Amino acid sequence: MRNLDDVIKAYDVRGIYPDQIDEDLAYAVGGAFVRVIGAAARDGGPGAIVIGHDMRPSGPDLVAAFANGVLDQGCDVIKIGLCSTDGIYFASGSTQLPGAMFTASHNPAQYNGIKLCRAGASPVSQDTGLVAMKEMVIAGVPAFDGPRGHARDEDMLGAYAAYLRELVPLDGIRPLKVVVDAGNGMAGFTAPAVFDGLPLEVFPLFFELDGNFPNHEANPIDPANLVDTQRGVLEHGADLGLAFDGDADRCFVIDERGEIVDPSTLTALIASLELAKAPGSAVIHNLITSRAVPEVITEHGGTPVRTRVGHSFIKATMAETNAVFGGEHSGHFYFRDFWRADSGMLAALHVLSFLGNTPPGSQLSDLLDEFSRYALSGEINTEVADAHASIAAVREVFENQDGITVDTLDGMTISGDGWWFNLRPSNTEPLLRLNVEAANPEQMAQIRDQVLSVFRTA
């Protein structure tokens, strides 16, 4: 038996195909999913599970194996085929069925994985089912002595696109020129359906679905993967650029100057728009977003709620607080009217609506000035032999200095006079992630370089 601790993570299943995740494991996870969440009608569940997959070559075979595991437990399957991750959340939310999305998101081509949710797109994490599923897979999923479930196919792309456009109507906006970089991922499938007929001149980049990512990794948090979008915006004189990750649940924005808009700035912007619709609501932000985010939320009459990184934690806190919106530094944006799930496309529509409802000639960079107040490093990833030892080494350097506070809500956050940084291990890769913010670029660079020097030379 393989080490499932390396595959069943904090909030999804993910690993290298076929060494860590293969058809046998997918079959077992499918059966365990039915049993653990009580999806079968005999257990009082809805009696069916919706399943989708991204463009990775291993996806169809893994879906078939997972579906057989579900069917052999007497539960039905609705296969929606190619979709974005927010497409499976739409399917789960609109049908009130549990869902399974086969994707490894932004990971390199050799990876695949499964994101699971309960009916209504409610997340499944370690605390809400993944640990129990892992234990059942290890022990052996009990066989079901009864009739096999039934499978059918259903196309939900049109309904998904229509629902997003109901949430954020764009029909009346001024014409915009938009560069859209799908990174050979699922936005190349969803963007044409969502943008069809809108007053947008779209310049597509890498819309061909290809899970080998021949042009650049579908990971927009790495600035190297945004160069094509930035170049495209400048070449076409576009109003903005949109860059999606592999499963299109994240979106990064490029302004008309070809500059990257920090996701914290987008979090603050979208928070202000959502609070205009739902005054006084709570808004979630993770502990790595800029200090500008809670400031803007408060200024617009909302209540900022700080949480750890990760979609299952954000969604759980949104449910507890009935928050209208949540944002993360990584480009994940969550919406109460989208079953508290994250949608890169819905975030993109908000930005297009915001800009499109301004007078002709208005520029995105000018409009976003009020939401960008501090200097941020962006997320810096480093491969280390022992992430926890590296964090401890950094703590030893900083914790005894005057005016320092240490917070261990998620990894380690150290704050000083006008600055803070967070170090945390990745849940999906052997990486240590660093985020730094300060009052000005010079102070940010000084803190960033000091922290990196500790574990990059250790």
Foldseek 3Di string as FASTA:
>chain_A
DDDQPQAAFFFWGKDFPPPRPALVVLLLLLLLVCVQVVCCVVSVHPQEEEEEEKLQPRVVSSVVSSQQSNQQQVGEYEYQYHAFPLLQLLVQQVVQAKYKYWAPWQDARRMIIIFIAGRLRQTDGCVRRSVSSVVCSVVDRDGHDDHTYYYDYDHCLLVVLVVLCVVQPQQPFAAFEEEEEALLARCLVRVCNNCPPHSYNYDYHNSHNDSNSPPDGQQVLPVVVCVVQLVVLQVVLGQKYWRAIRSQLFIWIAGSNSHTDFQLLLLLVVLLVQCVVVPAAEEEEEPQRDPLNQVSCVVSRYHYDYAHDDLNGQLVVCVVRVGQKYTYRRRWIAGVVSSRHTGNVSSVSSLCSVVRPDDPPDTPVVVSVSSDQWDKDRKDKDQAPDQVVLLVQLCVVPVPDPQWDWDVRAAIWIDHDFKIKHWHADRNDRIIIIMIIGRYPVVRVVVVVVSCVRRVVD
